[in-house]
Amino acid sequence: MSELRWHPLLEQWVITATHRQDRTYKPPADHCPLCPTRPGREPTEIPASSYQIVVFENRFPSLKMPPPEPAVAATRLSPVEPARGRCEVVCYTPEHEGSLATLDPEHAFRLVQVWTDRYQALMQEPEIRYVLIFENRGEAVGVTLHHPHGQIYAFPYVPPVPLQELEAQARFRGARAEGPDACLLCRQLAIEREDGRRVVAENEAFTAVVPFYARYPYEVHVLARRHVASLAELTVQEQRALAAILQGVVASYDRLFEFPFPYLMVMHQAPKPPAPALGHFHVEFLPPHRTREKLKYLAGCEQGAGTFINDTLPEEKAAELRERWTWV
């Protein structure tokens, strides 16, 4: 059962998805549901004996087409909606071990093309308004399957975090005449590049920075240098540049403490109109480690008040990541 329940104080939807309690939890490597189905072995989610990149619908989706009927009736103060949408799994590679950083560069480029294809296809569905492409990596962020993979959620509404970002960008643009300074993130990127202390790396199409306003010690944002709203607007050369810099971020993370670095990777891109603004395409990495042994927990101030406390200086953390950067 899944449904959308309205939170009247925060004015946002909460997804109730009770069937997810039974989803696969940390299976052994020889029973991984994301590996190819090997001859003589139990079938996995992928019936082929080999593959390059695979996308399939999540067996335990929070959003579904067609959606199930809600378990409770809506009232005036307690709106309820069917949990329309799609949840997909993207398997990066048939290899059980590895990461985004260990993919062959050409394979990583194809992954960007797959993300782009799914973004465009899902945005064509009438009831979809926002497509969220993301990766959860590591047990510290709650990962239950270690095979290199990401996910795609297609929402019937714009979720609150991207909505807040889009509204901020719309207000910034509304306060300025059209021109090179009208985009908030274009202007922010220019400031970061001019300052330089928080820039981790860049190529011809993207810049990776620990932003001035970083909430996590090793938070990295990858921003398109050209003003584009989504993956769909990237050229082939820019797709290759995106693959390269994403691989570089993950590789530098892994070299930081010499272990696979947990993180959330989230792509922020254009919703379906009408929307406050199309926005500026960027990718956010949100890693929980603040030292080799210590995690950044979201406790009372963060969860209860919505105010992050960063225990470090973004300038110092950017320097640490720069020292460990090499292009894959």
Protein backbone atom coordinates (compact mmCIF):
# COMPACT_ATOMS: atom_id res chain seq x y z
CA MET A 1 0.00 0.00 0.00
CA SER A 2 1.23 3.51 -0.77
CA GLU A 3 -0.44 6.91 -0.71
CA LEU A 4 0.31 10.63 -0.34
CA ARG A 5 -0.68 12.28 2.95
CA TRP A 6 -0.59 16.07 3.32
CA HIS A 7 1.48 17.58 6.15
CA PRO A 8 -0.43 20.82 6.89
CA LEU A 9 2.28 22.46 9.02
CA LEU A 10 5.09 21.97 6.50
CA GLU A 11 2.69 22.16 3.53
CA GLN A 12 4.21 19.18 1.77
CA TRP A 13 3.31 15.60 0.88
CA VAL A 14 4.48 12.60 2.91
CA ILE A 15 4.56 9.24 1.10
CA THR A 16 3.20 6.33 3.14
CA ALA A 17 4.53 3.08 1.63
CA THR A 18 4.02 0.19 4.02
CA HIS A 19 5.16 -2.57 1.60
CA ARG A 20 8.71 -1.19 1.67
CA GLN A 21 9.20 -2.72 5.11
CA ASP A 22 9.72 -6.05 3.32
CA ARG A 23 12.27 -4.91 0.70
CA THR A 24 15.54 -6.80 0.21
CA TYR A 25 18.05 -6.01 2.98
CA LYS A 26 21.82 -6.53 2.60
CA PRO A 27 21.81 -9.84 0.71
CA PRO A 28 25.11 -11.74 0.35
CA ALA A 29 27.09 -11.02 -2.83
CA ASP A 30 26.20 -14.39 -4.37
CA HIS A 31 22.47 -13.58 -4.03
CA CYS A 32 22.57 -9.96 -5.20
CA PRO A 33 19.31 -9.10 -7.06
CA LEU A 34 21.14 -6.52 -9.22
CA CYS A 35 23.72 -8.92 -10.67
CA PRO A 36 23.03 -10.69 -13.97
CA THR A 37 21.24 -14.03 -13.76
CA ARG A 38 24.03 -16.61 -13.95
CA PRO A 39 23.53 -20.10 -15.39
CA GLY A 40 22.56 -22.52 -12.65
CA ARG A 41 21.89 -19.70 -10.13
CA GLU A 42 18.68 -18.28 -8.71
CA PRO A 43 17.09 -15.66 -11.04
CA THR A 44 17.80 -12.03 -10.18
CA GLU A 45 15.88 -8.86 -11.09
CA ILE A 46 17.81 -8.94 -14.39
CA PRO A 47 17.11 -12.06 -16.49
CA ALA A 48 20.06 -11.49 -18.86
CA SER A 49 23.37 -13.29 -18.27
CA SER A 50 25.22 -10.03 -18.94
CA TYR A 51 24.45 -6.36 -19.49
CA GLN A 52 26.05 -2.92 -19.72
CA ILE A 53 23.52 -0.65 -17.96
CA VAL A 54 20.01 -1.70 -16.95
CA VAL A 55 16.96 0.31 -15.88
CA PHE A 56 13.91 -1.42 -14.42
CA GLU A 57 10.96 -0.55 -12.21
CA ASN A 58 11.62 -0.89 -8.50
CA ARG A 59 9.94 -3.96 -7.03
CA PHE A 60 9.16 -1.96 -3.87
CA PRO A 61 8.09 1.40 -5.33
CA SER A 62 6.99 4.39 -3.24
CA LEU A 63 5.21 5.75 -6.33
CA LYS A 64 3.44 3.61 -8.91
CA MET A 65 1.45 3.69 -12.15
CA PRO A 66 -1.39 2.98 -11.79
CA PRO A 67 -1.38 3.80 -8.06
CA PRO A 68 -3.21 1.73 -5.46
CA GLU A 69 -6.24 3.16 -3.74
CA PRO A 70 -5.39 5.05 -0.51
CA ALA A 71 -6.00 3.19 2.74
CA VAL A 72 -7.92 6.08 4.32
CA ALA A 73 -10.41 8.64 3.08
CA ALA A 74 -9.35 12.27 2.75
CA THR A 75 -10.81 15.03 4.91
CA ARG A 76 -10.60 18.82 4.60
CA LEU A 77 -7.63 19.02 6.99
CA SER A 78 -6.14 15.68 6.01
CA PRO A 79 -5.88 15.50 2.21
CA VAL A 80 -4.91 12.13 0.75
CA GLU A 81 -3.94 11.38 -2.83
CA PRO A 82 -2.96 8.21 -4.70
CA ALA A 83 0.82 7.80 -4.89
CA ARG A 84 1.09 8.31 -8.65
CA GLY A 85 4.54 8.18 -10.20
CA ARG A 86 7.36 5.84 -11.00
CA CYS A 87 10.37 4.47 -9.14
CA GLU A 88 13.18 2.99 -11.20
CA VAL A 89 16.50 1.33 -10.42
CA VAL A 90 19.55 2.07 -12.59
CA CYS A 91 22.24 -0.63 -12.45
CA TYR A 92 25.53 0.99 -13.48
CA THR A 93 27.44 -2.21 -14.27
CA PRO A 94 27.11 -6.01 -14.12
CA GLU A 95 30.11 -6.08 -11.75
CA HIS A 96 29.07 -6.43 -8.13
CA GLU A 97 32.10 -4.55 -6.79
CA GLY A 98 33.13 -1.04 -7.75
CA SER A 99 31.57 2.40 -7.99
CA LEU A 100 30.79 5.27 -10.30
CA ALA A 101 34.49 6.16 -10.10
CA THR A 102 35.71 2.73 -11.23
CA LEU A 103 33.63 2.61 -14.42
CA ASP A 104 35.49 2.88 -17.69
CA PRO A 105 35.12 6.56 -18.82
CA GLU A 106 33.21 5.51 -21.94
CA HIS A 107 30.86 3.45 -19.78
CA ALA A 108 30.32 6.44 -17.46
CA PHE A 109 29.46 8.56 -20.49
CA ARG A 110 26.86 5.99 -21.53
CA LEU A 111 25.41 6.15 -18.01
CA VAL A 112 24.90 9.92 -18.41
CA GLN A 113 23.12 9.18 -21.69
CA VAL A 114 20.88 6.64 -19.93
CA TRP A 115 20.01 9.19 -17.22
CA THR A 116 19.18 11.70 -19.96
CA ASP A 117 17.00 9.23 -21.82
CA ARG A 118 15.02 8.33 -18.71
CA TYR A 119 14.60 12.00 -17.71
CA GLN A 120 13.17 12.82 -21.14
CA ALA A 121 10.94 9.74 -21.31
CA LEU A 122 9.47 10.16 -17.84
CA MET A 123 8.85 13.88 -18.34
CA GLN A 124 6.65 12.96 -21.32
CA GLU A 125 4.19 11.15 -19.03
CA PRO A 126 1.18 13.44 -18.43
CA GLU A 127 1.03 13.04 -14.65
CA ILE A 128 4.77 13.50 -13.98
CA ARG A 129 6.02 16.94 -12.95
CA TYR A 130 9.50 16.26 -11.57
CA VAL A 131 12.15 13.59 -12.20
CA LEU A 132 14.67 13.04 -9.42
CA ILE A 133 17.83 11.13 -10.37
CA PHE A 134 19.93 10.14 -7.36
CA GLU A 135 22.35 7.65 -5.85
CA ASN A 136 22.61 6.51 -2.24
CA ARG A 137 26.01 5.00 -1.50
CA GLY A 138 27.14 3.29 1.70
CA GLU A 139 25.51 1.84 4.79
CA ALA A 140 25.94 5.18 6.58
CA VAL A 141 23.18 6.61 4.39
CA GLY A 142 20.98 3.51 4.68
CA VAL A 143 21.97 1.55 1.57
CA THR A 144 20.69 -2.03 1.60
CA LEU A 145 22.16 -3.19 -1.74
CA HIS A 146 25.87 -2.64 -2.40
CA HIS A 147 25.89 -3.34 -6.14
CA PRO A 148 26.73 -0.03 -7.93
CA HIS A 149 23.36 1.50 -8.75
CA GLY A 150 21.21 4.59 -8.50
CA GLN A 151 17.51 5.37 -8.57
CA ILE A 152 15.02 7.57 -10.38
CA TYR A 153 11.79 8.85 -8.80
CA ALA A 154 9.21 10.47 -11.07
CA PHE A 155 6.87 12.63 -8.95
CA PRO A 156 3.38 14.00 -9.67
CA TYR A 157 4.50 17.24 -7.95
CA VAL A 158 7.73 19.18 -7.44
CA PRO A 159 9.26 17.96 -4.13
CA PRO A 160 9.96 20.58 -1.44
CA VAL A 161 13.77 20.89 -1.71
CA PRO A 162 13.96 21.44 -5.48
CA LEU A 163 10.82 23.59 -5.24
CA GLN A 164 12.47 25.86 -2.66
CA GLU A 165 15.58 26.15 -4.84
CA LEU A 166 13.50 26.95 -7.93
CA GLU A 167 11.51 29.59 -6.06
CA ALA A 168 14.74 31.22 -4.82
CA GLN A 169 16.07 31.31 -8.38
CA ALA A 170 12.79 32.81 -9.62
CA ARG A 171 12.93 35.58 -6.99
CA PHE A 172 16.55 36.35 -7.89
CA ARG A 173 15.71 36.56 -11.58
CA GLY A 174 12.65 38.68 -10.88
CA ALA A 175 14.75 41.25 -9.01
CA ARG A 176 17.13 41.71 -11.96
CA ALA A 177 16.86 42.58 -15.61
CA GLU A 178 17.48 39.80 -18.10
CA GLY A 179 21.18 39.33 -18.66
CA PRO A 180 24.28 37.44 -17.47
CA ASP A 181 23.54 38.24 -13.81
CA ALA A 182 19.88 37.15 -13.90
CA CYS A 183 20.59 33.52 -12.94
CA LEU A 184 21.39 32.97 -9.27
CA LEU A 185 23.62 29.93 -9.85
CA CYS A 186 25.40 31.50 -12.83
CA ARG A 187 26.26 34.40 -10.54
CA GLN A 188 27.20 32.10 -7.65
CA LEU A 189 29.45 30.06 -9.93
CA ALA A 190 31.20 33.21 -11.17
CA ILE A 191 31.87 34.24 -7.55
CA GLU A 192 33.24 30.79 -6.65
CA ARG A 193 35.53 30.70 -9.69
CA GLU A 194 36.78 34.23 -9.04
CA ASP A 195 37.52 33.43 -5.38
CA GLY A 196 38.97 30.00 -6.16
CA ARG A 197 39.44 28.75 -2.61
CA ARG A 198 36.39 26.47 -2.68
CA VAL A 199 36.82 25.16 -6.24
CA VAL A 200 37.80 21.50 -6.20
CA ALA A 201 38.16 20.89 -9.95
CA GLU A 202 36.70 21.92 -13.28
CA ASN A 203 36.69 20.99 -16.93
CA GLU A 204 35.39 22.74 -20.02
CA ALA A 205 31.72 22.29 -19.06
CA PHE A 206 31.43 21.78 -15.27
CA THR A 207 32.90 23.11 -12.03
CA ALA A 208 32.98 21.17 -8.75
CA VAL A 209 32.98 23.31 -5.59
CA VAL A 210 32.50 22.97 -1.86
CA PRO A 211 29.98 25.83 -1.82
CA PHE A 212 30.32 28.87 0.44
CA TYR A 213 27.11 27.73 2.18
CA ALA A 214 28.02 24.02 2.52
CA ARG A 215 25.97 22.22 5.15
CA TYR A 216 28.11 19.06 5.26
CA PRO A 217 31.91 19.15 5.72
CA TYR A 218 32.66 17.51 2.35
CA GLU A 219 29.57 18.66 0.45
CA VAL A 220 30.35 19.15 -3.25
CA HIS A 221 28.18 20.81 -5.89
CA VAL A 222 28.87 20.21 -9.58
CA LEU A 223 27.52 23.14 -11.60
CA ALA A 224 27.08 23.43 -15.35
CA ARG A 225 29.23 26.30 -16.60
CA ARG A 226 26.78 27.00 -19.41
CA HIS A 227 23.27 27.98 -18.33
CA VAL A 228 21.22 24.83 -18.95
CA ALA A 229 18.16 23.64 -17.08
CA SER A 230 18.46 19.87 -17.40
CA LEU A 231 20.38 16.91 -18.74
CA ALA A 232 18.30 17.17 -21.91
CA GLU A 233 20.06 20.42 -22.89
CA LEU A 234 23.62 19.06 -22.67
CA THR A 235 25.66 18.50 -25.81
CA VAL A 236 27.47 15.20 -26.28
CA GLN A 237 30.73 16.90 -25.26
CA GLU A 238 29.06 18.24 -22.11
CA GLN A 239 27.70 14.77 -21.30
CA ARG A 240 31.25 13.43 -21.44
CA ALA A 241 32.46 16.29 -19.26
CA LEU A 242 29.71 15.59 -16.71
CA ALA A 243 30.64 11.90 -16.55
CA ALA A 244 34.30 12.79 -16.05
CA ILE A 245 33.77 15.27 -13.24
CA LEU A 246 31.27 13.04 -11.38
CA GLN A 247 33.82 10.22 -11.52
CA GLY A 248 36.47 12.63 -10.24
CA VAL A 249 34.35 13.66 -7.25
CA VAL A 250 33.75 10.04 -6.21
CA ALA A 251 37.40 9.09 -6.75
CA SER A 252 38.62 12.01 -4.61
CA TYR A 253 36.12 11.05 -1.89
CA ASP A 254 37.44 7.47 -1.88
CA ARG A 255 41.04 8.67 -1.58
CA LEU A 256 40.18 11.03 1.27
CA PHE A 257 40.16 8.37 4.00
CA GLU A 258 41.11 5.36 1.85
CA PHE A 259 37.72 3.65 2.04
CA PRO A 260 34.55 3.76 -0.08
CA PHE A 261 33.10 7.13 0.90
CA PRO A 262 29.33 7.17 1.60
CA TYR A 263 27.28 9.92 -0.01
CA LEU A 264 23.97 11.00 -1.48
CA MET A 265 24.24 12.26 -5.06
CA VAL A 266 21.19 14.24 -6.25
CA MET A 267 20.57 15.90 -9.61
CA HIS A 268 18.65 19.19 -9.61
CA GLN A 269 17.00 19.97 -12.93
CA ALA A 270 13.97 21.47 -14.60
CA PRO A 271 10.43 20.45 -13.63
CA LYS A 272 7.53 20.37 -16.02
CA PRO A 273 5.85 23.79 -16.48
CA PRO A 274 4.14 25.56 -14.91
CA ALA A 275 6.99 26.10 -12.46
CA PRO A 276 8.55 29.02 -10.59
CA ALA A 277 11.66 28.78 -12.79
CA LEU A 278 13.42 26.20 -14.91
CA GLY A 279 16.54 26.62 -12.77
CA HIS A 280 20.20 25.86 -13.44
CA PHE A 281 21.28 22.23 -13.74
CA HIS A 282 23.58 21.05 -10.97
CA VAL A 283 24.44 17.91 -8.99
CA GLU A 284 24.77 17.89 -5.21
CA PHE A 285 26.90 15.40 -3.27
CA LEU A 286 25.90 15.16 0.40
CA PRO A 287 28.34 12.91 2.33
CA PRO A 288 27.80 12.12 6.03
CA HIS A 289 31.46 11.77 7.16
CA ARG A 290 33.05 14.76 8.92
CA THR A 291 36.25 12.86 9.83
CA ARG A 292 37.52 9.36 9.12
CA GLU A 293 35.71 8.01 12.21
CA LYS A 294 32.90 10.52 12.78
CA LEU A 295 29.61 11.04 10.99
CA LYS A 296 27.62 14.24 10.64
CA TYR A 297 24.31 13.30 12.22
CA LEU A 298 21.20 15.33 11.50
CA ALA A 299 20.04 15.83 15.06
CA GLY A 300 17.86 18.33 16.95
CA CYS A 301 18.98 21.55 15.27
CA GLU A 302 19.02 20.10 11.76
CA GLN A 303 15.95 17.85 11.92
CA GLY A 304 13.96 19.78 14.49
CA ALA A 305 14.68 23.34 13.39
CA GLY A 306 15.88 22.90 9.82
CA THR A 307 19.16 24.70 10.53
CA PHE A 308 22.42 22.97 9.61
CA ILE A 309 25.57 23.36 11.69
CA ASN A 310 28.77 22.75 9.72
CA ASP A 311 31.70 21.87 11.99
CA THR A 312 34.28 22.79 9.34
CA LEU A 313 35.33 25.55 6.94
CA PRO A 314 34.38 24.91 3.30
CA GLU A 315 37.70 26.47 2.17
CA GLU A 316 39.71 23.90 4.15
CA LYS A 317 37.62 20.93 3.01
CA ALA A 318 37.88 22.01 -0.64
CA ALA A 319 41.67 22.12 -0.27
CA GLU A 320 41.68 18.54 1.10
CA LEU A 321 39.65 17.29 -1.86
CA ARG A 322 41.79 19.23 -4.36
CA GLU A 323 44.90 17.53 -3.03
CA ARG A 324 43.38 14.12 -3.74
CA TRP A 325 41.90 14.92 -7.14
CA THR A 326 42.94 13.05 -10.25
CA TRP A 327 40.87 12.63 -13.38
CA VAL A 328 39.69 9.05 -13.96
